Amino acid sequence: MTRRLPTICFTLALLLAACGSSADETLSGFERTPTPIVNVETLPEVTDAGSPFRFEAPQTDGVLVVYFGYTNCPDVCPTTLFDLRTALDSMESSQRDRIETAMVTIDPNRDTDEVITGYVRSFLPEAAAVRTTVDADLRVVADAFGADYGVTETADGEIDVLHTGSLYAVNGAGELLVSWPFGVTSEDLAKDLGILLERGTV
């Protein structure tokens, strides 16, 4: 019996390693089938003089992380952007260099160019701020991602905003790789982004 022990231990080690590898490759976010194409429309990038912003990663081996939100958001938006910043800060610089970020305002009447730029860059200094006052264009892009929003004024004059609180990862071909719901941890974000970069994105 003792002669078989090393073989048994070796076999168990291989099984455990295989299980660990499989678990490590499991994304915390959601992958959709068929993969949505989201570079259906450009919107003005106000951090670049209003030039057309394409919803695809600038680098073919990179990832673009997109968020739809607004600056007066009391909790969901700042929490999400802070967690994304924490995730990026925890990654190696060689990985961070392949990840771009962008925030699209769904409340452009209050989020002027200067306001949305200052807001998103207080969390992500290199992020693109995207803003359009043409709701039809914004709706086309949001629908492609599966994001929803609504901005209404109540009877007493208060602005009421509802929006999807997800983060989205896009590759260089404009394919939506994964969606993360509000509440995903910075650790899981970093892990998923690392997996996407290792897989190759196009």
Protein backbone atom coordinates (compact mmCIF):
# COMPACT_ATOMS: atom_id res chain seq x y z
CA MET A 1 0.00 0.00 0.00
CA THR A 2 2.78 2.40 0.86
CA ARG A 3 4.32 1.92 -2.60
CA ARG A 4 1.13 3.28 -4.22
CA LEU A 5 0.94 6.39 -2.03
CA PRO A 6 3.19 8.65 -4.19
CA THR A 7 1.17 7.73 -7.27
CA ILE A 8 -2.11 8.46 -5.52
CA CYS A 9 -0.79 11.78 -4.20
CA PHE A 10 0.47 12.74 -7.65
CA THR A 11 -2.89 11.95 -9.22
CA LEU A 12 -4.76 13.98 -6.60
CA ALA A 13 -2.39 16.90 -7.11
CA LEU A 14 -3.09 16.86 -10.86
CA LEU A 15 -6.84 16.80 -10.23
CA LEU A 16 -6.66 19.67 -7.77
CA ALA A 17 -4.50 21.70 -10.12
CA ALA A 18 -6.95 21.12 -12.96
CA CYS A 19 -9.88 22.15 -10.80
CA GLY A 20 -8.05 25.24 -9.65
CA SER A 21 -7.20 26.22 -13.20
CA SER A 22 -10.81 25.83 -14.31
CA ALA A 23 -12.08 27.91 -11.40
CA ASP A 24 -9.52 30.61 -12.11
CA GLU A 25 -10.84 30.96 -15.67
CA THR A 26 -14.46 31.43 -14.56
CA LEU A 27 -15.61 35.01 -15.03
CA SER A 28 -17.57 36.75 -12.29
CA GLY A 29 -19.40 38.84 -14.89
CA PHE A 30 -21.91 37.69 -17.49
CA GLU A 31 -21.13 36.63 -21.04
CA ARG A 32 -23.99 36.88 -23.54
CA THR A 33 -24.67 34.59 -26.50
CA PRO A 34 -24.57 35.62 -29.25
CA THR A 35 -21.92 38.19 -28.43
CA PRO A 36 -23.40 41.70 -28.85
CA ILE A 37 -21.69 44.17 -31.17
CA VAL A 38 -21.67 47.60 -29.52
CA ASN A 39 -19.64 49.84 -31.86
CA VAL A 40 -22.87 50.65 -33.71
CA GLU A 41 -22.64 54.43 -33.26
CA THR A 42 -20.09 57.03 -32.21
CA LEU A 43 -20.74 59.70 -29.59
CA PRO A 44 -18.75 62.87 -28.83
CA GLU A 45 -15.74 62.43 -26.55
CA VAL A 46 -15.66 65.70 -24.66
CA THR A 47 -12.22 64.92 -23.23
CA ASP A 48 -10.94 65.04 -26.82
CA ALA A 49 -12.60 68.18 -28.20
CA GLY A 50 -15.78 66.31 -29.09
CA SER A 51 -14.15 63.89 -31.51
CA PRO A 52 -16.17 60.76 -32.36
CA PHE A 53 -15.74 58.10 -29.70
CA ARG A 54 -15.91 54.52 -30.95
CA PHE A 55 -17.04 51.86 -28.51
CA GLU A 56 -14.17 49.48 -29.07
CA ALA A 57 -10.77 49.01 -27.48
CA PRO A 58 -8.12 51.15 -29.20
CA GLN A 59 -5.62 48.28 -28.96
CA THR A 60 -6.46 45.00 -30.68
CA ASP A 61 -5.16 43.09 -27.65
CA GLY A 62 -6.80 45.44 -25.14
CA VAL A 63 -10.10 46.01 -23.37
CA LEU A 64 -12.33 49.05 -23.10
CA VAL A 65 -14.42 49.28 -19.92
CA VAL A 66 -17.57 51.38 -20.36
CA TYR A 67 -19.96 52.80 -17.78
CA PHE A 68 -23.27 54.63 -18.25
CA GLY A 69 -23.99 56.97 -15.33
CA TYR A 70 -24.36 60.54 -14.13
CA THR A 71 -22.52 62.87 -11.78
CA ASN A 72 -25.39 63.54 -9.36
CA CYS A 73 -25.71 59.84 -8.63
CA PRO A 74 -25.66 59.47 -4.83
CA ASP A 75 -24.14 56.01 -4.46
CA VAL A 76 -24.12 53.55 -7.37
CA CYS A 77 -21.91 55.59 -9.73
CA PRO A 78 -19.22 56.67 -7.27
CA THR A 79 -19.06 53.19 -5.74
CA THR A 80 -18.70 51.54 -9.14
CA LEU A 81 -16.04 53.94 -10.39
CA PHE A 82 -14.10 53.66 -7.14
CA ASP A 83 -14.17 49.86 -7.33
CA LEU A 84 -12.99 49.98 -10.94
CA ARG A 85 -10.12 52.28 -9.98
CA THR A 86 -9.20 49.94 -7.11
CA ALA A 87 -9.23 46.97 -9.48
CA LEU A 88 -6.96 48.70 -11.99
CA ASP A 89 -4.57 49.86 -9.28
CA SER A 90 -4.17 46.25 -8.13
CA MET A 91 -3.11 45.04 -11.58
CA GLU A 92 0.36 45.02 -13.10
CA SER A 93 1.22 48.06 -15.20
CA SER A 94 1.65 45.89 -18.30
CA GLN A 95 -2.00 44.87 -17.94
CA ARG A 96 -3.29 48.35 -17.03
CA ASP A 97 -1.67 49.75 -20.17
CA ARG A 98 -4.00 47.58 -22.26
CA ILE A 99 -7.19 48.73 -20.50
CA GLU A 100 -9.04 51.91 -21.46
CA THR A 101 -12.03 53.34 -19.58
CA ALA A 102 -14.95 55.54 -20.57
CA MET A 103 -18.02 57.01 -18.86
CA VAL A 104 -21.09 58.00 -20.85
CA THR A 105 -23.40 60.46 -19.12
CA ILE A 106 -27.11 59.66 -19.27
CA ASP A 107 -27.93 63.08 -17.78
CA PRO A 108 -26.34 65.50 -20.29
CA ASN A 109 -28.50 68.49 -19.37
CA ARG A 110 -26.83 68.71 -15.97
CA ASP A 111 -23.57 66.96 -16.85
CA THR A 112 -21.90 69.59 -19.00
CA ASP A 113 -18.64 68.78 -20.77
CA GLU A 114 -16.63 70.20 -17.89
CA VAL A 115 -18.72 68.54 -15.19
CA ILE A 116 -18.60 65.01 -16.63
CA THR A 117 -14.89 65.33 -17.41
CA GLY A 118 -13.97 66.47 -13.93
CA TYR A 119 -16.17 63.81 -12.35
CA VAL A 120 -14.94 60.71 -14.16
CA ARG A 121 -11.31 61.80 -14.07
CA SER A 122 -11.46 62.26 -10.31
CA PHE A 123 -11.76 58.45 -10.24
CA LEU A 124 -10.00 57.43 -13.46
CA PRO A 125 -7.49 60.11 -14.56
CA GLU A 126 -7.14 58.77 -18.12
CA ALA A 127 -10.82 58.01 -18.74
CA ALA A 128 -12.75 59.27 -21.73
CA ALA A 129 -15.83 61.36 -20.90
CA VAL A 130 -18.58 60.86 -23.47
CA ARG A 131 -21.59 63.16 -23.78
CA THR A 132 -24.33 63.84 -26.29
CA THR A 133 -27.49 65.91 -26.05
CA VAL A 134 -29.10 63.87 -28.85
CA ASP A 135 -31.08 61.31 -26.90
CA ALA A 136 -31.80 59.16 -29.96
CA ASP A 137 -28.05 58.64 -30.49
CA LEU A 138 -27.48 57.88 -26.82
CA ARG A 139 -30.36 55.41 -26.83
CA VAL A 140 -28.91 53.50 -29.80
CA VAL A 141 -25.61 53.01 -27.99
CA ALA A 142 -27.18 52.16 -24.64
CA ASP A 143 -29.50 49.62 -26.25
CA ALA A 144 -26.55 47.90 -27.94
CA PHE A 145 -24.98 47.37 -24.51
CA GLY A 146 -28.26 46.33 -22.91
CA ALA A 147 -28.16 49.41 -20.69
CA ASP A 148 -31.30 51.33 -19.76
CA TYR A 149 -31.85 54.79 -18.33
CA GLY A 150 -34.51 57.40 -17.73
CA VAL A 151 -34.39 61.05 -16.66
CA THR A 152 -37.67 62.62 -15.55
CA GLU A 153 -38.78 65.64 -13.57
CA THR A 154 -41.16 65.15 -10.67
CA ALA A 155 -44.16 67.37 -9.92
CA ASP A 156 -42.12 69.34 -7.38
CA GLY A 157 -39.31 69.99 -9.86
CA GLU A 158 -36.88 67.32 -8.67
CA ILE A 159 -34.87 65.40 -11.26
CA ASP A 160 -35.36 61.65 -10.99
CA VAL A 161 -32.79 59.43 -12.72
CA LEU A 162 -32.86 55.66 -13.16
CA HIS A 163 -30.11 53.72 -14.91
CA THR A 164 -28.48 50.33 -15.27
CA GLY A 165 -25.52 50.19 -12.91
CA SER A 166 -23.40 47.71 -14.88
CA LEU A 167 -19.86 47.91 -16.19
CA TYR A 168 -19.10 46.56 -19.66
CA ALA A 169 -15.90 45.19 -21.24
CA VAL A 170 -15.45 45.59 -25.00
CA ASN A 171 -12.70 44.31 -27.29
CA GLY A 172 -11.03 45.87 -30.32
CA ALA A 173 -13.73 44.54 -32.65
CA GLY A 174 -16.50 46.23 -30.69
CA GLU A 175 -17.71 42.96 -29.17
CA LEU A 176 -19.21 43.04 -25.67
CA LEU A 177 -17.13 40.46 -23.82
CA VAL A 178 -18.66 40.63 -20.35
CA SER A 179 -21.07 42.68 -18.22
CA TRP A 180 -20.60 43.18 -14.49
CA PRO A 181 -23.65 44.05 -12.38
CA PHE A 182 -23.49 46.68 -9.67
CA GLY A 183 -21.87 45.25 -6.56
CA VAL A 184 -19.14 43.19 -8.20
CA THR A 185 -16.01 43.45 -6.08
CA SER A 186 -12.80 45.12 -7.19
CA GLU A 187 -11.04 41.78 -6.73
CA ASP A 188 -13.43 40.08 -9.15
CA LEU A 189 -13.12 42.93 -11.63
CA ALA A 190 -9.34 42.64 -11.60
CA LYS A 191 -9.51 38.87 -11.96
CA ASP A 192 -11.92 39.04 -14.90
CA LEU A 193 -9.93 41.72 -16.67
CA GLY A 194 -6.79 39.62 -16.30
CA ILE A 195 -8.60 36.62 -17.79
CA LEU A 196 -9.86 38.66 -20.74
CA LEU A 197 -6.38 39.98 -21.45
CA GLU A 198 -4.89 36.48 -21.25
CA ARG A 199 -7.54 35.06 -23.58
CA GLY A 200 -6.84 37.64 -26.23
CA THR A 201 -9.70 39.88 -27.12
CA VAL A 202 -10.06 39.57 -30.91
